[in-house]
Amino acid sequence: MINVLSSDLHGYLFSQLLPSLGIHLLHQSSLSNVVVLQTTMADEEPVDQKKYFEESCKPKCVKPLLEYQACVKRIQGDESGHKHCTGQYFDYWSCVDKCVAPKLFPKLK
């Protein structure tokens, strides 16, 4: 058990490591080894894991993306508004969602 921290380790611990975990120093007595810590993770905004997983899955769905982009290019000159690429758009996002789902659901609380 370590009773005294070197100043470098102490500085790193309280200025970088603990805050990155959502733990902040409220008070430290200079006369004793009493340290009061506060956690703030509950107050912080949760990170949306889905966006991270979507970015990692997009490269696996290149074919539907290229089909969607080809459709968009094909209908660019349509003035009537009757042509659309909704099917290709949904095919692309369906591919991404199928890749994301098995990674995301185990992470949900």
C-alpha atoms as a PDB file:
ATOM      1  CA  MET A   1       0.000   0.000   0.000  1.00  0.00           C
ATOM      2  CA  ILE A   2       1.340   3.426  -0.997  1.00  0.00           C
ATOM      3  CA  ASN A   3       0.752   6.193   1.549  1.00  0.00           C
ATOM      4  CA  VAL A   4       2.525   9.041  -0.227  1.00  0.00           C
ATOM      5  CA  LEU A   5       2.311   9.795  -3.932  1.00  0.00           C
ATOM      6  CA  SER A   6       5.148  11.476  -5.764  1.00  0.00           C
ATOM      7  CA  SER A   7       4.178  14.951  -6.963  1.00  0.00           C
ATOM      8  CA  ASP A   8       4.270  13.832 -10.626  1.00  0.00           C
ATOM      9  CA  LEU A   9       2.035  10.824 -10.008  1.00  0.00           C
ATOM     10  CA  HIS A  10      -0.235  12.857  -7.757  1.00  0.00           C
ATOM     11  CA  GLY A  11      -0.584  15.544 -10.429  1.00  0.00           C
ATOM     12  CA  TYR A  12      -1.325  13.024 -13.173  1.00  0.00           C
ATOM     13  CA  LEU A  13      -3.790  11.118 -11.008  1.00  0.00           C
ATOM     14  CA  PHE A  14      -5.865  14.134  -9.992  1.00  0.00           C
ATOM     15  CA  SER A  15      -5.553  16.250 -13.144  1.00  0.00           C
ATOM     16  CA  GLN A  16      -5.904  13.652 -15.912  1.00  0.00           C
ATOM     17  CA  LEU A  17      -6.665  10.067 -14.964  1.00  0.00           C
ATOM     18  CA  LEU A  18      -9.496  10.452 -12.465  1.00  0.00           C
ATOM     19  CA  PRO A  19     -11.316  13.252 -14.394  1.00  0.00           C
ATOM     20  CA  SER A  20     -11.231  11.067 -17.518  1.00  0.00           C
ATOM     21  CA  LEU A  21     -13.174   8.502 -15.487  1.00  0.00           C
ATOM     22  CA  GLY A  22     -15.638  11.153 -14.293  1.00  0.00           C
ATOM     23  CA  ILE A  23     -14.082  11.465 -10.811  1.00  0.00           C
ATOM     24  CA  HIS A  24     -13.078  14.916  -9.588  1.00  0.00           C
ATOM     25  CA  LEU A  25     -11.123  16.083  -6.537  1.00  0.00           C
ATOM     26  CA  LEU A  26     -13.307  18.154  -4.218  1.00  0.00           C
ATOM     27  CA  HIS A  27     -10.964  18.556  -1.275  1.00  0.00           C
ATOM     28  CA  GLN A  28      -7.605  17.302  -0.108  1.00  0.00           C
ATOM     29  CA  SER A  29      -6.308  18.046   3.345  1.00  0.00           C
ATOM     30  CA  SER A  30      -2.662  19.094   3.464  1.00  0.00           C
ATOM     31  CA  LEU A  31      -2.343  17.784   7.035  1.00  0.00           C
ATOM     32  CA  SER A  32      -3.620  14.278   6.412  1.00  0.00           C
ATOM     33  CA  ASN A  33      -4.172  11.716   3.714  1.00  0.00           C
ATOM     34  CA  VAL A  34      -7.878  12.545   3.482  1.00  0.00           C
ATOM     35  CA  VAL A  35      -9.075  13.015  -0.092  1.00  0.00           C
ATOM     36  CA  VAL A  36     -12.686  13.714  -1.016  1.00  0.00           C
ATOM     37  CA  LEU A  37     -13.673  12.625  -4.516  1.00  0.00           C
ATOM     38  CA  GLN A  38     -16.875  13.208  -6.434  1.00  0.00           C
ATOM     39  CA  THR A  39     -18.130  11.224  -9.389  1.00  0.00           C
ATOM     40  CA  THR A  40     -19.941  13.126 -12.107  1.00  0.00           C
ATOM     41  CA  MET A  41     -20.598  10.453 -14.687  1.00  0.00           C
ATOM     42  CA  ALA A  42     -24.324  10.408 -13.917  1.00  0.00           C
ATOM     43  CA  ASP A  43     -24.560  14.132 -14.695  1.00  0.00           C
ATOM     44  CA  GLU A  44     -22.753  13.913 -18.029  1.00  0.00           C
ATOM     45  CA  GLU A  45     -24.431  13.247 -21.346  1.00  0.00           C
ATOM     46  CA  PRO A  46     -24.240   9.594 -22.363  1.00  0.00           C
ATOM     47  CA  VAL A  47     -22.207   8.830 -25.484  1.00  0.00           C
ATOM     48  CA  ASP A  48     -24.200   7.485 -28.425  1.00  0.00           C
ATOM     49  CA  GLN A  49     -22.488   4.189 -29.246  1.00  0.00           C
ATOM     50  CA  LYS A  50     -24.646   3.701 -32.353  1.00  0.00           C
ATOM     51  CA  LYS A  51     -22.886   6.488 -34.266  1.00  0.00           C
ATOM     52  CA  TYR A  52     -19.494   4.896 -33.573  1.00  0.00           C
ATOM     53  CA  PHE A  53     -20.705   1.478 -34.723  1.00  0.00           C
ATOM     54  CA  GLU A  54     -22.340   2.970 -37.829  1.00  0.00           C
ATOM     55  CA  GLU A  55     -19.045   4.534 -38.867  1.00  0.00           C
ATOM     56  CA  SER A  56     -17.257   1.201 -38.404  1.00  0.00           C
ATOM     57  CA  CYS A  57     -19.945  -0.640 -40.427  1.00  0.00           C
ATOM     58  CA  LYS A  58     -20.237   1.742 -43.395  1.00  0.00           C
ATOM     59  CA  PRO A  59     -17.182   0.293 -45.185  1.00  0.00           C
ATOM     60  CA  LYS A  60     -18.890  -3.117 -45.160  1.00  0.00           C
ATOM     61  CA  CYS A  61     -21.885  -1.686 -47.064  1.00  0.00           C
ATOM     62  CA  VAL A  62     -20.106  -0.249 -50.098  1.00  0.00           C
ATOM     63  CA  LYS A  63     -22.236  -2.058 -52.699  1.00  0.00           C
ATOM     64  CA  PRO A  64     -25.591  -0.617 -51.525  1.00  0.00           C
ATOM     65  CA  LEU A  65     -23.967   2.812 -51.143  1.00  0.00           C
ATOM     66  CA  LEU A  66     -22.649   2.720 -54.717  1.00  0.00           C
ATOM     67  CA  GLU A  67     -26.102   1.645 -55.954  1.00  0.00           C
ATOM     68  CA  TYR A  68     -27.670   4.575 -54.111  1.00  0.00           C
ATOM     69  CA  GLN A  69     -25.092   7.044 -55.469  1.00  0.00           C
ATOM     70  CA  ALA A  70     -25.598   5.708 -59.019  1.00  0.00           C
ATOM     71  CA  CYS A  71     -29.356   6.183 -58.647  1.00  0.00           C
ATOM     72  CA  VAL A  72     -28.926   9.747 -57.404  1.00  0.00           C
ATOM     73  CA  LYS A  73     -26.695  10.512 -60.371  1.00  0.00           C
ATOM     74  CA  ARG A  74     -29.164   8.889 -62.764  1.00  0.00           C
ATOM     75  CA  ILE A  75     -32.135  10.999 -61.614  1.00  0.00           C
ATOM     76  CA  GLN A  76     -30.362  14.338 -61.153  1.00  0.00           C
ATOM     77  CA  GLY A  77     -32.015  15.876 -64.203  1.00  0.00           C
ATOM     78  CA  ASP A  78     -35.544  14.764 -63.296  1.00  0.00           C
ATOM     79  CA  GLU A  79     -37.759  17.842 -63.177  1.00  0.00           C
ATOM     80  CA  SER A  80     -41.021  15.956 -62.598  1.00  0.00           C
ATOM     81  CA  GLY A  81     -40.149  14.803 -59.081  1.00  0.00           C
ATOM     82  CA  HIS A  82     -41.535  11.325 -59.761  1.00  0.00           C
ATOM     83  CA  LYS A  83     -38.193   9.536 -59.740  1.00  0.00           C
ATOM     84  CA  HIS A  84     -36.532   8.759 -56.442  1.00  0.00           C
ATOM     85  CA  CYS A  85     -33.893   6.547 -54.828  1.00  0.00           C
ATOM     86  CA  THR A  86     -35.770   5.665 -51.664  1.00  0.00           C
ATOM     87  CA  GLY A  87     -35.324   1.913 -52.168  1.00  0.00           C
ATOM     88  CA  GLN A  88     -31.568   2.182 -52.586  1.00  0.00           C
ATOM     89  CA  TYR A  89     -31.343   4.554 -49.633  1.00  0.00           C
ATOM     90  CA  PHE A  90     -33.175   2.108 -47.381  1.00  0.00           C
ATOM     91  CA  ASP A  91     -31.108  -0.819 -48.723  1.00  0.00           C
ATOM     92  CA  TYR A  92     -27.927   1.000 -47.708  1.00  0.00           C
ATOM     93  CA  TRP A  93     -29.142   1.847 -44.186  1.00  0.00           C
ATOM     94  CA  SER A  94     -30.585  -1.638 -43.757  1.00  0.00           C
ATOM     95  CA  CYS A  95     -27.108  -3.047 -44.459  1.00  0.00           C
ATOM     96  CA  VAL A  96     -25.556  -0.673 -41.914  1.00  0.00           C
ATOM     97  CA  ASP A  97     -28.224  -1.489 -39.311  1.00  0.00           C
ATOM     98  CA  LYS A  98     -27.747  -5.253 -39.758  1.00  0.00           C
ATOM     99  CA  CYS A  99     -24.036  -4.795 -39.077  1.00  0.00           C
ATOM    100  CA  VAL A 100     -24.573  -2.450 -36.105  1.00  0.00           C
ATOM    101  CA  ALA A 101     -27.291  -4.390 -34.253  1.00  0.00           C
ATOM    102  CA  PRO A 102     -25.212  -7.345 -32.971  1.00  0.00           C
ATOM    103  CA  LYS A 103     -22.515  -4.934 -31.743  1.00  0.00           C
ATOM    104  CA  LEU A 104     -24.865  -2.386 -30.198  1.00  0.00           C
ATOM    105  CA  PHE A 105     -27.399  -4.452 -28.258  1.00  0.00           C
ATOM    106  CA  PRO A 106     -24.889  -6.059 -25.870  1.00  0.00           C
ATOM    107  CA  LYS A 107     -23.726  -2.513 -24.935  1.00  0.00           C
ATOM    108  CA  LEU A 108     -27.204  -1.292 -23.964  1.00  0.00           C
ATOM    109  CA  LYS A 109     -28.074  -1.149 -20.284  1.00  0.00           C
END
